[in-house]
Amino acid sequence: MSEAVKTLLLSLLLAVVLVINGTSAYEEQSYKALKFGNTLADYVKLTPDMRPFSNAFSICTWIKKLQRGSYPSWFSYASSTVDTEIWINDDGSYNWMFHNHNRNVGYLINIRMGEWYHYCFCWDLASRTAHIYHNGRESGYYSTPYGRRLTTDGFIVLGQDLSTFAGDFREYFSFGGELQKLNMYSKKLNTTEVREIYKAGRCSHIETRKGHRYSRQIKWERILEQERFGNVSIVDSCPLNEKLHHCHERVIELEEQLKEAQNNTQAGNEEPSSEDTTTITTVEDDGLSEELEELRLNLESTTNRLSETETRLEKAEEKLEKTETRLRKTGAQLDKSKKKVSTLKKMLKQANSDLENNVDLLRETRAALREKESELENLENSLCGANCFKASNSSYWDILYTSTFFNKVVTDEIINILNESWSQLENFKGSVINEGFIEFFKTNFDS
């Protein structure tokens, strides 16, 4: 068996074992994303060797925009001589190079909040052209000055913009989104290569394949190991079914490479020697094919179980969403009830205040009424003088002091009003009822 066949066999077995028992270090890291806070203190600083990128580079990543703003920036590179050698924001409006060269493609693309999209920025000195790609399609390009290379003595900041080489971060440059699989290549990727990376998907491992392996100088798995400042966290970004799907594709790819290597080995030896025949027979006798088939069945079984689990999780998520919706409605109703209660409390407080004011007003009115009654009594006493009714020296003749009789002429009507026992009044018809008249009757007829 040739060395190539042995290597492929080991790779295939290793890949299957990784699918069953876990993932490789790179695979596990490629499933992770960086989530940035939205303050100027939330960023990652990189100090890589930038010399491989002086004549050509490609920056590719997956981006999720999570906040609106003027200049949310996810990539910034500054050198000691130029503060904006490279500056890229998250809505396509800034794809900056060499301090003052840019192509705004924001109005040409549709970037939605909370959704992943793929981005590549590719340039080389030979063409003096920078190309911008969104989701595998070119969205714009522009030319750079003749002979202008990328300076290589600077550093990179993710999640902020380097307004100066010293930093000088600004709040309105804060990224506040998510990045996944950010890689920087030391060559200018062409349209086909960019499209292949995009179509492979966010949870694939295409960056490790032949053609990208050696040009990928700044690697995502290394970025995740760098120090993070502020509120920047690593989050799992790929669902289990996608992880398994890409691992399954990798197994199939390795199997195809194994078959091709075996065919090439057999084709190169039309008359295999007895040693080669023995080796091949030994491989077959070792039951590798049967073992691979068994591992494949295990993989399919694991896939089915994961699919069932994911279905149950989706149903649970639907129930959770419904519950959250009901809770939101209940919360909204509770807020309305709280507002009503608050309004009623204010009304009750105002009513209590009004009642207290009315009670005070009533007390004042009563006091004023007593005062007026006293004044009226004093006035009446002053007007009546000695002629007013005195309870201590009274008789039934005192009724004549009232307005009905006092200073009136005795008439039939008045006589009828008085008690019948006063028949003697008939003898005084024509007389005026005055003080003397009353006192006369009181003296002579009062019993």
Protein backbone atom coordinates (compact mmCIF):
# COMPACT_ATOMS: atom_id res chain seq x y z
CA MET A 1 0.00 0.00 0.00
CA SER A 2 1.37 3.42 -0.98
CA GLU A 3 2.01 6.15 1.61
CA ALA A 4 -0.75 8.29 0.06
CA VAL A 5 -3.31 5.52 0.56
CA LYS A 6 -2.17 4.96 4.14
CA THR A 7 -2.42 8.68 4.89
CA LEU A 8 -5.91 8.92 3.43
CA LEU A 9 -7.04 5.83 5.33
CA LEU A 10 -5.84 7.31 8.60
CA SER A 11 -7.43 10.65 7.79
CA LEU A 12 -10.74 8.98 6.98
CA LEU A 13 -10.75 6.94 10.17
CA LEU A 14 -9.79 10.01 12.19
CA ALA A 15 -12.58 12.06 10.63
CA VAL A 16 -15.18 9.40 11.38
CA VAL A 17 -13.95 9.04 14.96
CA LEU A 18 -14.13 12.81 15.37
CA VAL A 19 -17.71 12.80 14.13
CA ILE A 20 -18.68 10.09 16.60
CA ASN A 21 -16.66 11.29 19.58
CA GLY A 22 -16.25 15.00 19.03
CA THR A 23 -14.70 17.54 16.70
CA SER A 24 -11.16 18.66 16.04
CA ALA A 25 -9.72 21.76 17.66
CA TYR A 26 -10.11 23.80 14.48
CA GLU A 27 -13.60 22.47 13.78
CA GLU A 28 -14.71 23.32 17.29
CA GLN A 29 -13.28 26.86 16.99
CA SER A 30 -14.78 27.40 13.54
CA TYR A 31 -18.23 26.93 15.06
CA LYS A 32 -17.63 29.84 17.45
CA ALA A 33 -18.40 33.51 16.95
CA LEU A 34 -17.25 36.69 18.68
CA LYS A 35 -20.07 38.83 20.06
CA PHE A 36 -19.14 42.48 20.71
CA GLY A 37 -20.71 44.94 23.12
CA ASN A 38 -21.65 48.41 21.88
CA THR A 39 -19.29 50.61 23.86
CA LEU A 40 -15.86 51.96 22.95
CA ALA A 41 -14.30 49.58 25.50
CA ASP A 42 -15.43 46.43 23.63
CA TYR A 43 -12.80 45.29 21.12
CA VAL A 44 -10.05 42.79 20.22
CA LYS A 45 -6.53 43.93 19.37
CA LEU A 46 -4.25 41.91 17.04
CA THR A 47 -0.55 42.46 16.42
CA PRO A 48 0.26 39.98 13.63
CA ASP A 49 3.16 40.03 11.19
CA MET A 50 1.68 42.11 8.35
CA ARG A 51 4.59 41.68 5.93
CA PRO A 52 2.90 38.84 3.97
CA PHE A 53 0.09 41.25 3.06
CA SER A 54 2.16 44.15 1.68
CA ASN A 55 1.48 43.26 -1.98
CA ALA A 56 -1.83 41.41 -1.73
CA PHE A 57 -4.47 40.38 0.78
CA SER A 58 -8.05 39.18 1.18
CA ILE A 59 -10.16 39.69 4.29
CA CYS A 60 -13.16 37.38 4.53
CA THR A 61 -15.64 36.87 7.35
CA TRP A 62 -19.25 36.27 8.32
CA ILE A 63 -20.97 39.29 9.94
CA LYS A 64 -24.18 39.75 11.89
CA LYS A 65 -25.27 43.37 12.25
CA LEU A 66 -27.03 43.94 15.58
CA GLN A 67 -27.19 47.70 16.06
CA ARG A 68 -27.92 50.78 14.04
CA GLY A 69 -25.55 53.71 13.99
CA SER A 70 -23.46 55.97 11.84
CA TYR A 71 -20.21 54.00 11.62
CA PRO A 72 -20.32 50.57 13.38
CA SER A 73 -16.83 49.29 12.47
CA TRP A 74 -15.64 45.70 12.73
CA PHE A 75 -12.15 45.94 11.15
CA SER A 76 -9.53 48.66 11.41
CA TYR A 77 -5.82 48.58 10.60
CA ALA A 78 -3.50 51.51 11.30
CA SER A 79 0.22 51.94 10.88
CA SER A 80 2.68 54.43 12.30
CA THR A 81 2.30 56.61 9.20
CA VAL A 82 -1.33 56.10 8.16
CA ASP A 83 -4.16 55.90 10.69
CA THR A 84 -6.67 54.31 8.25
CA GLU A 85 -4.75 51.86 6.10
CA ILE A 86 -7.84 49.62 6.18
CA TRP A 87 -11.21 50.49 7.67
CA ILE A 88 -14.42 48.49 7.15
CA ASN A 89 -17.85 49.05 8.70
CA ASP A 90 -20.86 46.74 8.80
CA ASP A 91 -23.30 48.29 6.31
CA GLY A 92 -21.16 48.44 3.17
CA SER A 93 -20.64 52.21 3.15
CA TYR A 94 -16.98 52.17 4.24
CA ASN A 95 -14.46 49.84 2.55
CA TRP A 96 -11.49 52.10 3.11
CA MET A 97 -7.85 51.76 2.04
CA PHE A 98 -4.80 53.99 2.15
CA HIS A 99 -6.45 56.77 4.16
CA ASN A 100 -8.72 58.25 1.48
CA HIS A 101 -9.74 55.54 -1.03
CA ASN A 102 -13.20 54.07 -0.64
CA ARG A 103 -16.16 52.59 -2.48
CA ASN A 104 -19.59 52.94 -0.89
CA VAL A 105 -21.72 49.93 -1.81
CA GLY A 106 -24.20 50.25 1.05
CA TYR A 107 -26.98 51.40 -1.27
CA LEU A 108 -26.42 48.39 -3.57
CA ILE A 109 -26.79 45.64 -1.00
CA ASN A 110 -29.49 44.63 1.47
CA ILE A 111 -28.03 44.03 4.91
CA ARG A 112 -30.70 43.04 7.41
CA MET A 113 -30.46 43.43 11.14
CA GLY A 114 -29.82 40.17 12.99
CA GLU A 115 -29.00 38.10 9.87
CA TRP A 116 -25.61 36.62 8.92
CA TYR A 117 -23.99 37.70 5.66
CA HIS A 118 -20.61 36.90 4.07
CA TYR A 119 -18.09 39.61 3.21
CA CYS A 120 -14.75 39.63 1.37
CA PHE A 121 -12.40 42.53 0.66
CA CYS A 122 -9.66 41.57 -1.85
CA TRP A 123 -6.76 43.63 -3.20
CA ASP A 124 -3.37 43.26 -4.83
CA LEU A 125 -0.61 45.60 -5.99
CA ALA A 126 -0.41 44.03 -9.45
CA SER A 127 -3.95 45.03 -10.45
CA ARG A 128 -4.08 48.10 -8.17
CA THR A 129 -7.74 47.18 -7.60
CA ALA A 130 -9.75 46.43 -4.48
CA HIS A 131 -12.85 44.25 -4.92
CA ILE A 132 -15.75 44.04 -2.46
CA TYR A 133 -17.99 40.96 -2.19
CA HIS A 134 -21.24 40.34 -0.32
CA ASN A 135 -22.67 36.83 -0.12
CA GLY A 136 -20.40 35.58 -2.91
CA ARG A 137 -21.20 38.34 -5.39
CA GLU A 138 -19.07 41.34 -6.30
CA SER A 139 -20.76 44.53 -5.15
CA GLY A 140 -18.08 47.06 -6.13
CA TYR A 141 -14.43 47.86 -6.76
CA TYR A 142 -12.01 50.79 -6.98
CA SER A 143 -8.43 51.55 -7.96
CA THR A 144 -5.51 52.31 -5.67
CA PRO A 145 -2.40 54.45 -6.38
CA TYR A 146 0.36 53.03 -8.55
CA GLY A 147 3.14 51.40 -6.50
CA ARG A 148 1.31 51.91 -3.19
CA ARG A 149 1.87 48.94 -0.89
CA LEU A 150 0.25 48.16 2.42
CA THR A 151 2.38 49.40 5.31
CA THR A 152 3.29 46.59 7.65
CA ASP A 153 4.26 48.12 11.01
CA GLY A 154 0.75 48.53 12.40
CA PHE A 155 -1.87 46.53 14.30
CA ILE A 156 -5.50 45.49 13.85
CA VAL A 157 -8.51 46.28 16.01
CA LEU A 158 -11.76 44.36 15.71
CA GLY A 159 -14.96 46.04 16.90
CA GLN A 160 -13.73 49.66 16.73
CA ASP A 161 -12.07 52.17 14.43
CA LEU A 162 -8.54 53.40 14.96
CA SER A 163 -8.99 57.14 14.52
CA THR A 164 -5.29 57.48 15.28
CA PHE A 165 -2.41 55.07 15.57
CA ALA A 166 -2.63 55.45 19.35
CA GLY A 167 -6.27 54.38 19.33
CA ASP A 168 -8.57 57.29 20.14
CA PHE A 169 -11.76 55.21 19.99
CA ARG A 170 -15.15 56.84 19.53
CA GLU A 171 -18.53 55.62 20.80
CA TYR A 172 -20.20 55.88 17.39
CA PHE A 173 -17.62 53.47 15.86
CA SER A 174 -18.57 50.65 18.25
CA PHE A 175 -19.48 47.51 16.30
CA GLY A 176 -21.94 45.83 18.67
CA GLY A 177 -22.45 42.82 16.35
CA GLU A 178 -21.03 39.33 15.78
CA LEU A 179 -18.13 38.00 13.69
CA GLN A 180 -17.41 34.41 12.68
CA LYS A 181 -14.57 32.83 10.71
CA LEU A 182 -12.60 36.01 10.05
CA ASN A 183 -9.52 35.00 8.06
CA MET A 184 -6.94 37.13 6.23
CA TYR A 185 -5.17 35.61 3.21
CA SER A 186 -1.86 36.71 1.73
CA LYS A 187 -3.28 36.65 -1.80
CA LYS A 188 -6.12 38.23 -3.70
CA LEU A 189 -8.94 35.69 -3.88
CA ASN A 190 -10.75 35.62 -7.20
CA THR A 191 -14.51 35.63 -7.70
CA THR A 192 -14.70 31.82 -7.94
CA GLU A 193 -12.80 31.31 -4.70
CA VAL A 194 -14.93 33.85 -2.85
CA ARG A 195 -18.10 32.22 -4.14
CA GLU A 196 -16.88 28.76 -3.07
CA ILE A 197 -16.20 29.99 0.48
CA TYR A 198 -19.64 31.60 0.66
CA LYS A 199 -21.50 28.57 -0.75
CA ALA A 200 -19.67 26.20 1.60
CA GLY A 201 -21.49 27.93 4.43
CA ARG A 202 -20.73 29.56 7.73
CA CYS A 203 -20.17 26.23 9.54
CA SER A 204 -17.98 24.54 6.91
CA HIS A 205 -14.22 23.95 7.06
CA ILE A 206 -13.37 25.07 3.55
CA GLU A 207 -10.63 27.39 4.82
CA THR A 208 -8.46 24.38 5.69
CA ARG A 209 -8.67 22.86 2.20
CA LYS A 210 -5.93 22.83 -0.38
CA GLY A 211 -5.58 26.23 -2.03
CA HIS A 212 -6.33 28.22 1.12
CA ARG A 213 -4.26 26.39 3.69
CA TYR A 214 -0.97 28.20 3.08
CA SER A 215 -2.27 31.66 2.18
CA ARG A 216 -4.43 31.90 5.31
CA GLN A 217 -1.98 33.87 7.43
CA ILE A 218 -4.35 35.37 10.05
CA LYS A 219 -6.54 32.49 11.22
CA TRP A 220 -9.86 32.56 12.99
CA GLU A 221 -8.85 29.94 15.55
CA ARG A 222 -5.87 32.14 16.52
CA ILE A 223 -8.03 35.28 16.75
CA LEU A 224 -10.24 33.50 19.29
CA GLU A 225 -7.16 32.96 21.46
CA GLN A 226 -6.31 36.68 21.62
CA GLU A 227 -7.07 38.90 24.59
CA ARG A 228 -10.54 40.42 24.52
CA PHE A 229 -11.29 43.82 26.04
CA GLY A 230 -14.57 44.91 27.56
CA ASN A 231 -17.75 43.07 26.71
CA VAL A 232 -16.55 40.68 23.98
CA SER A 233 -17.54 37.04 24.37
CA ILE A 234 -17.20 33.77 22.48
CA VAL A 235 -20.55 32.20 21.59
CA ASP A 236 -21.51 28.94 19.86
CA SER A 237 -22.93 29.94 16.50
CA CYS A 238 -23.58 26.70 14.60
CA PRO A 239 -26.48 24.31 15.33
CA LEU A 240 -25.72 20.61 15.82
CA ASN A 241 -27.29 19.51 12.55
CA GLU A 242 -24.98 21.82 10.56
CA LYS A 243 -21.93 20.61 12.45
CA LEU A 244 -22.84 17.01 11.72
CA HIS A 245 -23.71 17.80 8.11
CA HIS A 246 -20.30 19.29 7.38
CA CYS A 247 -18.48 16.48 9.19
CA HIS A 248 -20.48 13.99 7.12
CA GLU A 249 -19.48 15.79 3.93
CA ARG A 250 -15.86 15.64 5.04
CA VAL A 251 -16.09 11.86 5.52
CA ILE A 252 -17.55 11.44 2.03
CA GLU A 253 -14.81 13.64 0.58
CA LEU A 254 -12.09 11.60 2.28
CA GLU A 255 -13.65 8.35 1.06
CA GLU A 256 -13.64 9.64 -2.50
CA GLN A 257 -10.00 10.66 -2.15
CA LEU A 258 -9.23 7.20 -0.77
CA LYS A 259 -10.90 5.46 -3.73
CA GLU A 260 -9.09 7.75 -6.16
CA ALA A 261 -5.74 7.05 -4.48
CA GLN A 262 -6.39 3.28 -4.56
CA ASN A 263 -7.34 3.44 -8.24
CA ASN A 264 -4.24 5.48 -9.03
CA THR A 265 -2.08 2.98 -7.14
CA GLN A 266 -3.55 0.01 -8.97
CA ALA A 267 -3.35 1.79 -12.33
CA GLY A 268 0.30 2.55 -11.76
CA ASN A 269 1.06 -1.13 -11.18
CA GLU A 270 -0.41 -3.17 -14.03
CA GLU A 271 1.29 -6.25 -12.66
CA PRO A 272 1.40 -5.78 -8.93
CA SER A 273 4.18 -7.63 -7.22
CA SER A 274 3.46 -10.39 -4.73
CA GLU A 275 4.36 -7.95 -1.95
CA ASP A 276 1.77 -5.37 -3.14
CA THR A 277 -0.82 -8.10 -3.60
CA THR A 278 -0.19 -9.34 -0.09
CA THR A 279 -0.46 -5.76 1.25
CA ILE A 280 -3.79 -5.15 -0.51
CA THR A 281 -5.10 -8.52 0.60
CA THR A 282 -4.02 -7.75 4.14
CA VAL A 283 -5.86 -4.45 4.02
CA GLU A 284 -8.98 -6.20 2.79
CA ASP A 285 -8.58 -8.94 5.40
CA ASP A 286 -8.29 -6.32 8.09
CA GLY A 287 -11.91 -5.54 7.38
CA LEU A 288 -11.45 -1.80 6.91
CA SER A 289 -14.33 -1.66 4.47
CA GLU A 290 -16.62 -3.40 6.93
CA GLU A 291 -15.42 -1.13 9.72
CA LEU A 292 -16.04 1.95 7.60
CA GLU A 293 -19.50 0.71 6.75
CA GLU A 294 -20.24 0.11 10.42
CA LEU A 295 -18.99 3.59 11.27
CA ARG A 296 -21.14 5.02 8.51
CA LEU A 297 -24.20 3.29 9.94
CA ASN A 298 -23.34 4.66 13.36
CA LEU A 299 -23.00 8.09 11.85
CA GLU A 300 -26.40 7.82 10.17
CA SER A 301 -27.94 6.60 13.43
CA THR A 302 -26.40 9.53 15.29
CA THR A 303 -27.67 11.88 12.60
CA ASN A 304 -31.20 10.52 12.96
CA ARG A 305 -31.12 10.85 16.74
CA LEU A 306 -29.84 14.39 16.47
CA SER A 307 -32.56 15.17 13.95
CA GLU A 308 -35.23 13.83 16.32
CA THR A 309 -33.73 15.78 19.19
CA GLU A 310 -33.66 18.92 17.10
CA THR A 311 -37.33 18.39 16.15
CA ARG A 312 -38.23 18.14 19.82
CA LEU A 313 -36.16 21.23 20.55
CA GLU A 314 -37.94 23.13 17.78
CA LYS A 315 -41.33 22.17 19.25
CA ALA A 316 -40.13 23.20 22.71
CA GLU A 317 -38.91 26.51 21.26
CA GLU A 318 -42.33 27.06 19.63
CA LYS A 319 -44.04 26.42 22.97
CA LEU A 320 -41.58 28.74 24.65
CA GLU A 321 -42.26 31.45 22.06
CA LYS A 322 -46.02 31.08 22.61
CA THR A 323 -45.51 31.25 26.36
CA GLU A 324 -43.32 34.32 25.96
CA THR A 325 -46.00 35.89 23.74
CA ARG A 326 -48.65 35.22 26.38
CA LEU A 327 -46.37 36.59 29.07
CA ARG A 328 -45.76 39.71 27.00
CA LYS A 329 -49.52 40.18 26.56
CA THR A 330 -50.09 39.56 30.27
CA GLY A 331 -47.30 41.99 31.05
CA ALA A 332 -48.87 44.58 28.75
CA GLN A 333 -52.25 44.09 30.43
CA LEU A 334 -50.58 44.33 33.83
CA ASP A 335 -48.91 47.56 32.79
CA LYS A 336 -52.29 48.94 31.70
CA SER A 337 -53.85 47.86 35.01
CA LYS A 338 -50.98 49.47 36.89
CA LYS A 339 -51.54 52.68 34.96
CA LYS A 340 -55.26 52.57 35.75
CA VAL A 341 -54.56 51.91 39.45
CA SER A 342 -52.05 54.74 39.44
CA THR A 343 -54.62 57.04 37.83
CA LEU A 344 -57.29 55.98 40.35
CA LYS A 345 -54.85 56.58 43.20
CA LYS A 346 -54.19 60.07 41.89
CA MET A 347 -57.94 60.71 41.55
CA LEU A 348 -58.57 59.38 45.08
CA LYS A 349 -55.77 61.51 46.42
CA GLN A 350 -57.24 64.55 44.68
CA ALA A 351 -60.74 63.69 46.00
CA ASN A 352 -59.34 63.38 49.55
CA SER A 353 -57.63 66.70 49.12
CA ASP A 354 -60.85 68.28 47.82
CA LEU A 355 -62.81 66.74 50.72
CA GLU A 356 -60.35 68.11 53.25
CA ASN A 357 -60.64 71.52 51.62
CA ASN A 358 -64.45 71.29 51.72
CA VAL A 359 -64.39 70.27 55.41
CA ASP A 360 -62.19 73.23 56.16
CA LEU A 361 -64.54 75.43 54.15
CA LEU A 362 -67.55 74.02 56.05
CA ARG A 363 -65.86 74.77 59.38
CA GLU A 364 -65.16 78.28 58.22
CA THR A 365 -68.75 78.66 56.99
CA ARG A 366 -70.13 77.44 60.33
CA ALA A 367 -67.94 79.85 62.21
CA ALA A 368 -69.00 82.66 59.92
CA LEU A 369 -72.66 81.64 60.37
CA ARG A 370 -72.32 81.72 64.16
CA GLU A 371 -70.69 85.11 63.91
CA LYS A 372 -73.50 86.40 61.68
CA GLU A 373 -76.11 84.95 64.03
CA SER A 374 -74.44 86.78 66.90
CA GLU A 375 -74.30 89.98 64.90
CA LEU A 376 -77.96 89.56 63.93
CA GLU A 377 -78.98 89.02 67.55
CA ASN A 378 -77.06 92.09 68.63
CA LEU A 379 -78.64 94.08 65.83
CA GLU A 380 -82.10 92.89 66.77
CA ASN A 381 -81.53 93.81 70.40
CA SER A 382 -80.32 97.22 69.44
CA LEU A 383 -83.33 97.81 67.21
CA CYS A 384 -85.98 96.54 69.65
CA GLY A 385 -84.62 98.21 72.80
CA ALA A 386 -87.05 97.98 75.71
CA ASN A 387 -89.90 96.94 73.38
CA CYS A 388 -88.34 93.59 72.45
CA PHE A 389 -89.74 90.49 73.91
CA LYS A 390 -88.22 89.61 77.30
CA ALA A 391 -88.75 86.04 78.45
CA SER A 392 -88.24 86.99 82.13
CA ASN A 393 -91.11 89.58 82.12
CA SER A 394 -93.52 88.27 79.52
CA SER A 395 -97.24 87.70 79.15
CA TYR A 396 -99.55 86.79 76.36
CA TRP A 397 -99.99 90.54 75.65
CA ASP A 398 -96.37 90.65 74.48
CA ILE A 399 -97.53 89.11 71.24
CA LEU A 400 -98.79 92.51 70.32
CA TYR A 401 -95.17 93.66 70.04
CA THR A 402 -94.76 91.52 66.97
CA SER A 403 -94.89 93.04 63.49
CA THR A 404 -98.34 91.58 62.92
CA PHE A 405 -99.93 93.81 65.58
CA PHE A 406 -97.46 96.48 66.63
CA ASN A 407 -98.40 99.97 65.39
CA LYS A 408 -101.38 98.47 63.56
CA VAL A 409 -105.06 99.57 63.84
CA VAL A 410 -107.31 97.10 65.60
CA THR A 411 -109.56 95.57 62.96
CA ASP A 412 -111.90 92.60 62.74
CA GLU A 413 -109.13 90.67 61.16
CA ILE A 414 -106.72 91.36 64.03
CA ILE A 415 -109.41 90.67 66.63
CA ASN A 416 -110.11 87.32 65.02
CA ILE A 417 -106.44 86.54 65.13
CA LEU A 418 -106.30 87.20 68.85
CA ASN A 419 -107.78 84.91 71.41
CA GLU A 420 -111.54 85.03 71.75
CA SER A 421 -111.08 85.81 75.43
CA TRP A 422 -109.96 89.27 74.35
CA SER A 423 -113.56 90.38 73.66
CA GLN A 424 -112.99 93.61 75.44
CA LEU A 425 -110.89 94.80 72.52
CA GLU A 426 -114.09 95.52 70.62
CA ASN A 427 -114.60 98.54 72.79
CA PHE A 428 -111.32 100.01 71.52
CA LYS A 429 -112.00 99.94 67.84
CA GLY A 430 -110.23 102.77 66.12
CA SER A 431 -107.46 102.93 68.73
CA VAL A 432 -103.80 102.51 67.67
CA ILE A 433 -101.96 99.57 69.18
CA ASN A 434 -98.92 101.23 70.61
CA GLU A 435 -96.79 100.81 73.68
CA GLY A 436 -99.23 102.67 75.91
CA PHE A 437 -102.14 100.68 74.53
CA ILE A 438 -100.37 97.37 75.23
CA GLU A 439 -99.22 98.36 78.69
CA PHE A 440 -102.76 99.45 79.56
CA PHE A 441 -104.13 96.07 78.68
CA LYS A 442 -101.29 94.32 80.44
CA THR A 443 -101.96 96.32 83.61
CA ASN A 444 -105.77 96.10 83.64
CA PHE A 445 -106.61 92.84 81.94
CA ASP A 446 -103.68 90.54 82.44
CA SER A 447 -104.51 87.90 85.00
